[in-house]
Amino acid sequence: MKTFLIATDFSANARFTAAYGYSLAQQIKARVVLCHAMNVPAEIPQSGAIAWPMDVYDDLTQDSNDELAKLKSRLISEGDIKAYQPEVSCVHEAGFVADVLNAEAAKFRADMIIIGMHGNDAFGTWMIGNHSRKLIEAAITPLLLVPAGTMPKPIKRIAFGSDFKQPDKDIKTISELVDIAQALDAELILTHIEQPNADAQYTAIVKQLLMELIGKSSHGKVSYKVVKSDHVEHGLNWLVQHAHIDILAVVHRDHNFFDQLVNGSHTQKAAKVVTAPLLVFKN
């Protein structure tokens, strides 16, 4: 991990998110890019080029510059002065949130996009409607979703939750998580969320595969856990609450384990699960 792109809309919750992201950058020794999207209304998905009057655009640009500078100053002054001091850049562009974040992430070669979640639902004001789906579907880097009011703290435990129905793809994500956990000197818990009536032979195969991975890992703090649950969100909720997880990681693939968290009636239930920051990989 070398560069974190932290999205902000200058709200109170976004300041919490920025502080959390800055603290994480200090722990992992990463560069920080603060990014503000001068937002296009979501109700106009085919609006094309933005044609604000020049004086309005200039005012928005100046306001964005001022707020980004204030946020940068606050992060530096309130961060741990004894820890690594990240380089902080500030950028802003007009456009749809997902498009701006992806474009800036590509420009700065960001390793992670960090964005806040609203306190009242799973994906919040930054993540309403098309924003949530587009970011989850199209983000070019891992996406860290930070619940409202999350305070900076040392990352001690990361959990990866999966049903391991596509273990070859999960292995790629596990490799990336091992690198993150190693940089943080954090424990990584590989968690198999399975149905209570799951096939015992399949469970044994998954366990054998993961134990082999753990044995080959260069990081000495990787473990394996099985959580039995009829519902994905209940299993993840149990894991976060009982294993004291600081970051929960999942893989998003079409029509899979992660889909259960963001589709249909599971969406509101997922909001109760995400009491820890949720790190979403896509592969």
C-alpha atoms as a PDB file:
ATOM      1  CA  MET A   1       0.000   0.000   0.000  1.00  0.00           C
ATOM      2  CA  LYS A   2       1.457   3.362  -1.026  1.00  0.00           C
ATOM      3  CA  THR A   3      -1.403   5.805  -1.769  1.00  0.00           C
ATOM      4  CA  PHE A   4      -4.846   6.256  -0.208  1.00  0.00           C
ATOM      5  CA  LEU A   5      -7.456   8.417  -1.957  1.00  0.00           C
ATOM      6  CA  ILE A   6      -9.854   9.786   0.672  1.00  0.00           C
ATOM      7  CA  ALA A   7     -13.169  11.120  -0.629  1.00  0.00           C
ATOM      8  CA  THR A   8     -14.724  14.084   1.153  1.00  0.00           C
ATOM      9  CA  ASP A   9     -17.845  16.222   0.838  1.00  0.00           C
ATOM     10  CA  PHE A  10     -16.738  18.385   3.815  1.00  0.00           C
ATOM     11  CA  SER A  11     -19.573  17.126   6.021  1.00  0.00           C
ATOM     12  CA  ALA A  12     -19.023  16.286   9.682  1.00  0.00           C
ATOM     13  CA  ASN A  13     -19.079  12.582   8.878  1.00  0.00           C
ATOM     14  CA  ALA A  14     -16.573  13.070   6.051  1.00  0.00           C
ATOM     15  CA  ARG A  15     -14.185  14.669   8.536  1.00  0.00           C
ATOM     16  CA  PHE A  16     -14.376  11.526  10.680  1.00  0.00           C
ATOM     17  CA  THR A  17     -13.675   9.447   7.586  1.00  0.00           C
ATOM     18  CA  ALA A  18     -10.706  11.616   6.608  1.00  0.00           C
ATOM     19  CA  ALA A  19      -9.255  11.386  10.117  1.00  0.00           C
ATOM     20  CA  TYR A  20      -9.671   7.607  10.060  1.00  0.00           C
ATOM     21  CA  GLY A  21      -8.052   7.355   6.620  1.00  0.00           C
ATOM     22  CA  TYR A  22      -5.176   9.634   7.657  1.00  0.00           C
ATOM     23  CA  SER A  23      -4.536   7.524  10.766  1.00  0.00           C
ATOM     24  CA  LEU A  24      -4.534   4.377   8.638  1.00  0.00           C
ATOM     25  CA  ALA A  25      -2.053   6.026   6.262  1.00  0.00           C
ATOM     26  CA  GLN A  26       0.186   6.842   9.215  1.00  0.00           C
ATOM     27  CA  GLN A  27       0.078   3.217  10.365  1.00  0.00           C
ATOM     28  CA  ILE A  28       0.766   1.768   6.933  1.00  0.00           C
ATOM     29  CA  LYS A  29       3.083   4.598   5.785  1.00  0.00           C
ATOM     30  CA  ALA A  30       1.026   5.624   2.761  1.00  0.00           C
ATOM     31  CA  ARG A  31       0.587   8.853   0.845  1.00  0.00           C
ATOM     32  CA  VAL A  32      -2.798  10.627   1.168  1.00  0.00           C
ATOM     33  CA  VAL A  33      -4.856  12.261  -1.592  1.00  0.00           C
ATOM     34  CA  LEU A  34      -7.896  14.236  -0.406  1.00  0.00           C
ATOM     35  CA  CYS A  35     -10.486  14.277  -3.195  1.00  0.00           C
ATOM     36  CA  HIS A  36     -13.652  16.347  -3.512  1.00  0.00           C
ATOM     37  CA  ALA A  37     -16.139  15.763  -6.308  1.00  0.00           C
ATOM     38  CA  MET A  38     -18.149  18.886  -7.136  1.00  0.00           C
ATOM     39  CA  ASN A  39     -21.174  16.719  -7.481  1.00  0.00           C
ATOM     40  CA  VAL A  40     -23.545  16.403 -10.441  1.00  0.00           C
ATOM     41  CA  PRO A  41     -27.123  15.644  -9.270  1.00  0.00           C
ATOM     42  CA  ALA A  42     -27.784  11.913  -9.358  1.00  0.00           C
ATOM     43  CA  GLU A  43     -31.219  12.609 -10.834  1.00  0.00           C
ATOM     44  CA  ILE A  44     -29.609  13.617 -14.147  1.00  0.00           C
ATOM     45  CA  PRO A  45     -27.661  10.481 -15.110  1.00  0.00           C
ATOM     46  CA  GLN A  46     -27.343  11.497 -18.759  1.00  0.00           C
ATOM     47  CA  SER A  47     -26.576  15.161 -18.252  1.00  0.00           C
ATOM     48  CA  GLY A  48     -23.375  15.029 -20.299  1.00  0.00           C
ATOM     49  CA  ALA A  49     -20.894  17.871 -19.999  1.00  0.00           C
ATOM     50  CA  ILE A  50     -21.272  20.214 -17.044  1.00  0.00           C
ATOM     51  CA  ALA A  51     -22.056  23.756 -18.198  1.00  0.00           C
ATOM     52  CA  TRP A  52     -22.162  25.865 -15.037  1.00  0.00           C
ATOM     53  CA  PRO A  53     -21.777  29.639 -15.492  1.00  0.00           C
ATOM     54  CA  MET A  54     -18.106  30.591 -15.140  1.00  0.00           C
ATOM     55  CA  ASP A  55     -18.627  32.698 -12.003  1.00  0.00           C
ATOM     56  CA  VAL A  56     -20.490  29.835 -10.305  1.00  0.00           C
ATOM     57  CA  TYR A  57     -17.772  27.362 -11.287  1.00  0.00           C
ATOM     58  CA  ASP A  58     -15.058  29.718 -10.012  1.00  0.00           C
ATOM     59  CA  ASP A  59     -16.863  30.118  -6.691  1.00  0.00           C
ATOM     60  CA  LEU A  60     -17.255  26.346  -6.316  1.00  0.00           C
ATOM     61  CA  THR A  61     -13.601  25.838  -7.165  1.00  0.00           C
ATOM     62  CA  GLN A  62     -12.445  28.425  -4.643  1.00  0.00           C
ATOM     63  CA  ASP A  63     -14.687  26.996  -1.937  1.00  0.00           C
ATOM     64  CA  SER A  64     -13.356  23.509  -2.660  1.00  0.00           C
ATOM     65  CA  ASN A  65      -9.746  24.710  -2.517  1.00  0.00           C
ATOM     66  CA  ASP A  66     -10.377  26.465   0.801  1.00  0.00           C
ATOM     67  CA  GLU A  67     -12.145  23.513   2.403  1.00  0.00           C
ATOM     68  CA  LEU A  68      -9.523  21.026   1.222  1.00  0.00           C
ATOM     69  CA  ALA A  69      -6.765  23.212   2.649  1.00  0.00           C
ATOM     70  CA  LYS A  70      -8.601  23.412   5.997  1.00  0.00           C
ATOM     71  CA  LEU A  71      -9.111  19.662   6.070  1.00  0.00           C
ATOM     72  CA  LYS A  72      -5.459  18.987   5.249  1.00  0.00           C
ATOM     73  CA  SER A  73      -4.329  21.328   8.013  1.00  0.00           C
ATOM     74  CA  ARG A  74      -6.712  19.710  10.514  1.00  0.00           C
ATOM     75  CA  LEU A  75      -5.534  16.186   9.685  1.00  0.00           C
ATOM     76  CA  ILE A  76      -1.880  17.097  10.086  1.00  0.00           C
ATOM     77  CA  SER A  77      -2.413  19.007  13.337  1.00  0.00           C
ATOM     78  CA  GLU A  78      -4.665  16.376  14.908  1.00  0.00           C
ATOM     79  CA  GLY A  79      -2.729  13.323  13.713  1.00  0.00           C
ATOM     80  CA  ASP A  80      -0.186  11.418  15.774  1.00  0.00           C
ATOM     81  CA  ILE A  81       2.876  13.684  15.719  1.00  0.00           C
ATOM     82  CA  LYS A  82       5.125  10.769  16.727  1.00  0.00           C
ATOM     83  CA  ALA A  83       3.977   8.569  13.841  1.00  0.00           C
ATOM     84  CA  TYR A  84       4.823   8.619  10.138  1.00  0.00           C
ATOM     85  CA  GLN A  85       3.829  11.926   8.531  1.00  0.00           C
ATOM     86  CA  PRO A  86       2.141  11.209   5.177  1.00  0.00           C
ATOM     87  CA  GLU A  87       2.478  13.455   2.152  1.00  0.00           C
ATOM     88  CA  VAL A  88      -0.973  15.009   1.612  1.00  0.00           C
ATOM     89  CA  SER A  89      -2.255  16.192  -1.798  1.00  0.00           C
ATOM     90  CA  CYS A  90      -5.598  17.889  -2.497  1.00  0.00           C
ATOM     91  CA  VAL A  91      -7.629  17.504  -5.694  1.00  0.00           C
ATOM     92  CA  HIS A  92     -11.127  18.398  -6.864  1.00  0.00           C
ATOM     93  CA  GLU A  93     -13.058  17.952 -10.071  1.00  0.00           C
ATOM     94  CA  ALA A  94     -16.615  18.486 -11.266  1.00  0.00           C
ATOM     95  CA  GLY A  95     -18.491  15.338 -12.154  1.00  0.00           C
ATOM     96  CA  PHE A  96     -20.248  12.273 -10.878  1.00  0.00           C
ATOM     97  CA  VAL A  97     -18.752  10.986  -7.633  1.00  0.00           C
ATOM     98  CA  ALA A  98     -17.760   7.550  -8.922  1.00  0.00           C
ATOM     99  CA  ASP A  99     -16.249   8.958 -12.125  1.00  0.00           C
ATOM    100  CA  VAL A 100     -14.196  11.581 -10.290  1.00  0.00           C
ATOM    101  CA  LEU A 101     -12.925   9.125  -7.687  1.00  0.00           C
ATOM    102  CA  ASN A 102     -11.922   6.561 -10.285  1.00  0.00           C
ATOM    103  CA  ALA A 103     -10.216   9.166 -12.484  1.00  0.00           C
ATOM    104  CA  GLU A 104      -8.207  10.598  -9.583  1.00  0.00           C
ATOM    105  CA  ALA A 105      -7.406   7.127  -8.251  1.00  0.00           C
ATOM    106  CA  ALA A 106      -5.984   6.235 -11.658  1.00  0.00           C
ATOM    107  CA  LYS A 107      -4.019   9.496 -11.904  1.00  0.00           C
ATOM    108  CA  PHE A 108      -2.421   9.053  -8.497  1.00  0.00           C
ATOM    109  CA  ARG A 109      -2.160   5.255  -8.787  1.00  0.00           C
ATOM    110  CA  ALA A 110      -4.119   4.924  -5.552  1.00  0.00           C
ATOM    111  CA  ASP A 111      -4.083   1.555  -3.820  1.00  0.00           C
ATOM    112  CA  MET A 112      -7.347   2.208  -1.973  1.00  0.00           C
ATOM    113  CA  ILE A 113     -10.334   4.555  -2.107  1.00  0.00           C
ATOM    114  CA  ILE A 114     -11.695   5.500   1.332  1.00  0.00           C
ATOM    115  CA  ILE A 115     -15.227   6.855   1.630  1.00  0.00           C
ATOM    116  CA  GLY A 116     -17.680   7.439   4.460  1.00  0.00           C
ATOM    117  CA  MET A 117     -20.990   5.742   5.160  1.00  0.00           C
ATOM    118  CA  HIS A 118     -24.012   7.543   6.569  1.00  0.00           C
ATOM    119  CA  GLY A 119     -25.246   6.606  10.013  1.00  0.00           C
ATOM    120  CA  ASN A 120     -28.801   5.752   8.939  1.00  0.00           C
ATOM    121  CA  ASP A 121     -28.287   3.270   6.156  1.00  0.00           C
ATOM    122  CA  ALA A 122     -25.759   0.922   4.645  1.00  0.00           C
ATOM    123  CA  PHE A 123     -24.162   3.216   2.124  1.00  0.00           C
ATOM    124  CA  GLY A 124     -25.198   6.740   3.080  1.00  0.00           C
ATOM    125  CA  THR A 125     -25.287  10.144   1.502  1.00  0.00           C
ATOM    126  CA  TRP A 126     -22.128   9.618  -0.497  1.00  0.00           C
ATOM    127  CA  MET A 127     -23.381   6.196  -1.402  1.00  0.00           C
ATOM    128  CA  ILE A 128     -27.031   6.623  -2.334  1.00  0.00           C
ATOM    129  CA  GLY A 129     -28.673   5.146  -5.397  1.00  0.00           C
ATOM    130  CA  ASN A 130     -26.378   4.936  -8.386  1.00  0.00           C
ATOM    131  CA  HIS A 131     -23.369   6.113  -6.364  1.00  0.00           C
ATOM    132  CA  SER A 132     -23.247   2.965  -4.254  1.00  0.00           C
ATOM    133  CA  ARG A 133     -23.786   0.542  -7.097  1.00  0.00           C
ATOM    134  CA  LYS A 134     -21.426   2.311  -9.464  1.00  0.00           C
ATOM    135  CA  LEU A 135     -18.614   2.590  -6.934  1.00  0.00           C
ATOM    136  CA  ILE A 136     -18.932  -1.029  -5.858  1.00  0.00           C
ATOM    137  CA  GLU A 137     -19.199  -2.234  -9.436  1.00  0.00           C
ATOM    138  CA  ALA A 138     -16.666   0.098 -11.055  1.00  0.00           C
ATOM    139  CA  ALA A 139     -14.082   1.091  -8.437  1.00  0.00           C
ATOM    140  CA  ILE A 140     -10.648   0.435  -9.894  1.00  0.00           C
ATOM    141  CA  THR A 141      -9.113  -0.173  -6.463  1.00  0.00           C
ATOM    142  CA  PRO A 142     -10.210  -1.774  -3.190  1.00  0.00           C
ATOM    143  CA  LEU A 143     -12.904   0.382  -1.577  1.00  0.00           C
ATOM    144  CA  LEU A 144     -12.900   1.036   2.194  1.00  0.00           C
ATOM    145  CA  LEU A 145     -16.349   2.061   3.497  1.00  0.00           C
ATOM    146  CA  VAL A 146     -16.088   3.765   6.894  1.00  0.00           C
ATOM    147  CA  PRO A 147     -19.184   3.888   9.157  1.00  0.00           C
ATOM    148  CA  ALA A 148     -20.289   7.258  10.511  1.00  0.00           C
ATOM    149  CA  GLY A 149     -18.390   8.438  13.564  1.00  0.00           C
ATOM    150  CA  THR A 150     -15.629   5.811  13.351  1.00  0.00           C
ATOM    151  CA  MET A 151     -12.674   7.035  15.393  1.00  0.00           C
ATOM    152  CA  PRO A 152      -9.040   6.491  14.391  1.00  0.00           C
ATOM    153  CA  LYS A 153      -7.363   3.652  16.254  1.00  0.00           C
ATOM    154  CA  PRO A 154      -4.590   1.082  15.771  1.00  0.00           C
ATOM    155  CA  ILE A 155      -5.671  -1.750  13.471  1.00  0.00           C
ATOM    156  CA  LYS A 156      -5.113  -5.001  15.343  1.00  0.00           C
ATOM    157  CA  ARG A 157      -7.529  -7.462  13.711  1.00  0.00           C
ATOM    158  CA  ILE A 158      -8.646  -7.797  10.092  1.00  0.00           C
ATOM    159  CA  ALA A 159     -11.181 -10.458   9.104  1.00  0.00           C
ATOM    160  CA  PHE A 160     -11.798 -11.784   5.608  1.00  0.00           C
ATOM    161  CA  GLY A 161     -15.307 -13.239   5.279  1.00  0.00           C
ATOM    162  CA  SER A 162     -16.275 -15.543   2.409  1.00  0.00           C
ATOM    163  CA  ASP A 163     -18.226 -18.671   1.516  1.00  0.00           C
ATOM    164  CA  PHE A 164     -15.147 -19.747  -0.506  1.00  0.00           C
ATOM    165  CA  LYS A 165     -17.212 -20.969  -3.433  1.00  0.00           C
ATOM    166  CA  GLN A 166     -14.576 -19.453  -5.741  1.00  0.00           C
ATOM    167  CA  PRO A 167     -11.420 -20.174  -3.724  1.00  0.00           C
ATOM    168  CA  ASP A 168      -9.015 -19.460  -6.595  1.00  0.00           C
ATOM    169  CA  LYS A 169     -10.222 -15.840  -6.697  1.00  0.00           C
ATOM    170  CA  ASP A 170     -10.360 -15.536  -2.913  1.00  0.00           C
ATOM    171  CA  ILE A 171      -6.704 -16.571  -2.739  1.00  0.00           C
ATOM    172  CA  LYS A 172      -5.722 -13.459  -4.736  1.00  0.00           C
ATOM    173  CA  THR A 173      -7.530 -11.242  -2.243  1.00  0.00           C
ATOM    174  CA  ILE A 174      -6.022 -13.096   0.704  1.00  0.00           C
ATOM    175  CA  SER A 175      -2.572 -12.406  -0.707  1.00  0.00           C
ATOM    176  CA  GLU A 176      -3.320  -8.670  -0.796  1.00  0.00           C
ATOM    177  CA  LEU A 177      -4.745  -8.783   2.726  1.00  0.00           C
ATOM    178  CA  VAL A 178      -1.665 -10.557   4.046  1.00  0.00           C
ATOM    179  CA  ASP A 179       0.438  -7.657   2.745  1.00  0.00           C
ATOM    180  CA  ILE A 180      -1.865  -5.134   4.455  1.00  0.00           C
ATOM    181  CA  ALA A 181      -1.921  -7.082   7.726  1.00  0.00           C
ATOM    182  CA  GLN A 182       1.845  -7.445   7.660  1.00  0.00           C
ATOM    183  CA  ALA A 183       2.336  -3.703   7.127  1.00  0.00           C
ATOM    184  CA  LEU A 184       0.047  -3.028  10.110  1.00  0.00           C
ATOM    185  CA  ASP A 185       1.421  -5.912  12.201  1.00  0.00           C
ATOM    186  CA  ALA A 186      -2.233  -6.944  12.517  1.00  0.00           C
ATOM    187  CA  GLU A 187      -3.860 -10.342  12.850  1.00  0.00           C
ATOM    188  CA  LEU A 188      -5.684 -11.639   9.753  1.00  0.00           C
ATOM    189  CA  ILE A 189      -8.586 -14.038  10.354  1.00  0.00           C
ATOM    190  CA  LEU A 190      -9.718 -16.032   7.294  1.00  0.00           C
ATOM    191  CA  THR A 191     -13.383 -16.730   8.046  1.00  0.00           C
ATOM    192  CA  HIS A 192     -15.539 -19.315   6.298  1.00  0.00           C
ATOM    193  CA  ILE A 193     -19.212 -18.261   6.579  1.00  0.00           C
ATOM    194  CA  GLU A 194     -21.173 -21.429   5.904  1.00  0.00           C
ATOM    195  CA  GLN A 195     -24.709 -22.730   6.153  1.00  0.00           C
ATOM    196  CA  PRO A 196     -25.388 -24.982   9.169  1.00  0.00           C
ATOM    197  CA  ASN A 197     -26.238 -27.851   6.785  1.00  0.00           C
ATOM    198  CA  ALA A 198     -23.169 -27.310   4.579  1.00  0.00           C
ATOM    199  CA  ASP A 199     -21.494 -30.355   3.042  1.00  0.00           C
ATOM    200  CA  ALA A 200     -18.866 -31.602   5.496  1.00  0.00           C
ATOM    201  CA  GLN A 201     -16.525 -32.734   2.726  1.00  0.00           C
ATOM    202  CA  TYR A 202     -16.542 -29.281   1.123  1.00  0.00           C
ATOM    203  CA  THR A 203     -15.889 -27.645   4.494  1.00  0.00           C
ATOM    204  CA  ALA A 204     -12.930 -29.958   5.020  1.00  0.00           C
ATOM    205  CA  ILE A 205     -11.526 -29.076   1.584  1.00  0.00           C
ATOM    206  CA  VAL A 206     -11.801 -25.348   2.293  1.00  0.00           C
ATOM    207  CA  LYS A 207     -10.125 -25.791   5.676  1.00  0.00           C
ATOM    208  CA  GLN A 208      -7.269 -27.788   4.164  1.00  0.00           C
ATOM    209  CA  LEU A 209      -6.733 -25.172   1.450  1.00  0.00           C
ATOM    210  CA  LEU A 210      -6.690 -22.296   3.922  1.00  0.00           C
ATOM    211  CA  MET A 211      -4.443 -24.079   6.387  1.00  0.00           C
ATOM    212  CA  GLU A 212      -1.967 -24.690   3.562  1.00  0.00           C
ATOM    213  CA  LEU A 213      -2.081 -20.984   2.695  1.00  0.00           C
ATOM    214  CA  ILE A 214      -1.518 -20.064   6.328  1.00  0.00           C
ATOM    215  CA  GLY A 215       1.430 -22.440   6.516  1.00  0.00           C
ATOM    216  CA  LYS A 216       3.058 -20.810   3.496  1.00  0.00           C
ATOM    217  CA  SER A 217       2.364 -17.234   4.610  1.00  0.00           C
ATOM    218  CA  SER A 218       5.274 -14.968   5.472  1.00  0.00           C
ATOM    219  CA  HIS A 219       3.046 -13.282   8.080  1.00  0.00           C
ATOM    220  CA  GLY A 220       2.876 -15.130  11.377  1.00  0.00           C
ATOM    221  CA  LYS A 221      -0.501 -13.712  12.414  1.00  0.00           C
ATOM    222  CA  VAL A 222      -2.906 -15.477  10.034  1.00  0.00           C
ATOM    223  CA  SER A 223      -5.592 -17.826  11.376  1.00  0.00           C
ATOM    224  CA  TYR A 224      -8.684 -19.719  10.184  1.00  0.00           C
ATOM    225  CA  LYS A 225     -12.220 -19.650  11.572  1.00  0.00           C
ATOM    226  CA  VAL A 226     -15.594 -21.159  10.660  1.00  0.00           C
ATOM    227  CA  VAL A 227     -18.822 -19.267  11.415  1.00  0.00           C
ATOM    228  CA  LYS A 228     -22.074 -21.155  10.816  1.00  0.00           C
ATOM    229  CA  SER A 229     -25.056 -18.993   9.917  1.00  0.00           C
ATOM    230  CA  ASP A 230     -28.223 -19.203   7.829  1.00  0.00           C
ATOM    231  CA  HIS A 231     -27.671 -15.628   6.661  1.00  0.00           C
ATOM    232  CA  VAL A 232     -24.489 -13.915   5.525  1.00  0.00           C
ATOM    233  CA  GLU A 233     -25.209 -10.696   7.434  1.00  0.00           C
ATOM    234  CA  HIS A 234     -25.827 -12.580  10.686  1.00  0.00           C
ATOM    235  CA  GLY A 235     -22.567 -14.479  10.366  1.00  0.00           C
ATOM    236  CA  LEU A 236     -20.604 -11.326   9.658  1.00  0.00           C
ATOM    237  CA  ASN A 237     -22.341  -9.509  12.500  1.00  0.00           C
ATOM    238  CA  TRP A 238     -21.360 -12.282  14.904  1.00  0.00           C
ATOM    239  CA  LEU A 239     -17.786 -12.172  13.651  1.00  0.00           C
ATOM    240  CA  VAL A 240     -17.410  -8.396  14.018  1.00  0.00           C
ATOM    241  CA  GLN A 241     -19.003  -8.315  17.474  1.00  0.00           C
ATOM    242  CA  HIS A 242     -17.389 -11.389  19.030  1.00  0.00           C
ATOM    243  CA  ALA A 243     -13.946 -11.373  17.424  1.00  0.00           C
ATOM    244  CA  HIS A 244     -13.392  -7.608  17.934  1.00  0.00           C
ATOM    245  CA  ILE A 245     -12.700  -6.950  14.257  1.00  0.00           C
ATOM    246  CA  ASP A 246     -11.219  -3.579  13.254  1.00  0.00           C
ATOM    247  CA  ILE A 247     -11.659  -4.020   9.471  1.00  0.00           C
ATOM    248  CA  LEU A 248     -13.933  -6.517   7.720  1.00  0.00           C
ATOM    249  CA  ALA A 249     -12.889  -7.490   4.182  1.00  0.00           C
ATOM    250  CA  VAL A 250     -15.074  -9.140   1.520  1.00  0.00           C
ATOM    251  CA  VAL A 251     -14.887  -9.807  -2.215  1.00  0.00           C
ATOM    252  CA  HIS A 252     -17.585  -8.485  -4.520  1.00  0.00           C
ATOM    253  CA  ARG A 253     -18.443 -10.648  -7.507  1.00  0.00           C
ATOM    254  CA  ASP A 254     -21.687 -10.764  -9.453  1.00  0.00           C
ATOM    255  CA  HIS A 255     -24.320 -13.059  -7.931  1.00  0.00           C
ATOM    256  CA  ASN A 256     -22.207 -14.188  -5.011  1.00  0.00           C
ATOM    257  CA  PHE A 257     -21.695 -13.917  -1.269  1.00  0.00           C
ATOM    258  CA  PHE A 258     -21.296 -10.114  -1.325  1.00  0.00           C
ATOM    259  CA  ASP A 259     -24.426  -9.650  -3.454  1.00  0.00           C
ATOM    260  CA  GLN A 260     -26.481 -10.847  -0.486  1.00  0.00           C
ATOM    261  CA  LEU A 261     -25.338  -7.780   1.443  1.00  0.00           C
ATOM    262  CA  VAL A 262     -26.371  -5.125  -1.063  1.00  0.00           C
ATOM    263  CA  ASN A 263     -29.416  -6.525  -2.845  1.00  0.00           C
ATOM    264  CA  GLY A 264     -33.074  -6.573  -1.856  1.00  0.00           C
ATOM    265  CA  SER A 265     -34.073  -6.896   1.784  1.00  0.00           C
ATOM    266  CA  HIS A 266     -30.508  -7.650   2.873  1.00  0.00           C
ATOM    267  CA  THR A 267     -29.473  -4.014   2.420  1.00  0.00           C
ATOM    268  CA  GLN A 268     -31.003  -2.733   5.661  1.00  0.00           C
ATOM    269  CA  LYS A 269     -29.728  -5.766   7.550  1.00  0.00           C
ATOM    270  CA  ALA A 270     -26.246  -5.086   6.209  1.00  0.00           C
ATOM    271  CA  ALA A 271     -26.295  -1.664   7.861  1.00  0.00           C
ATOM    272  CA  LYS A 272     -26.298  -3.406  11.235  1.00  0.00           C
ATOM    273  CA  VAL A 273     -23.350  -5.553  10.195  1.00  0.00           C
ATOM    274  CA  VAL A 274     -21.107  -2.709   9.136  1.00  0.00           C
ATOM    275  CA  THR A 275     -20.101  -1.511  12.580  1.00  0.00           C
ATOM    276  CA  ALA A 276     -16.484  -1.918  11.492  1.00  0.00           C
ATOM    277  CA  PRO A 277     -15.049  -0.408   8.298  1.00  0.00           C
ATOM    278  CA  LEU A 278     -15.831  -2.636   5.306  1.00  0.00           C
ATOM    279  CA  LEU A 279     -13.043  -3.244   2.786  1.00  0.00           C
ATOM    280  CA  VAL A 280     -14.462  -4.360  -0.581  1.00  0.00           C
ATOM    281  CA  PHE A 281     -12.308  -6.070  -3.183  1.00  0.00           C
ATOM    282  CA  LYS A 282     -13.501  -6.918  -6.662  1.00  0.00           C
ATOM    283  CA  ASN A 283     -12.077  -9.739  -8.760  1.00  0.00           C
END
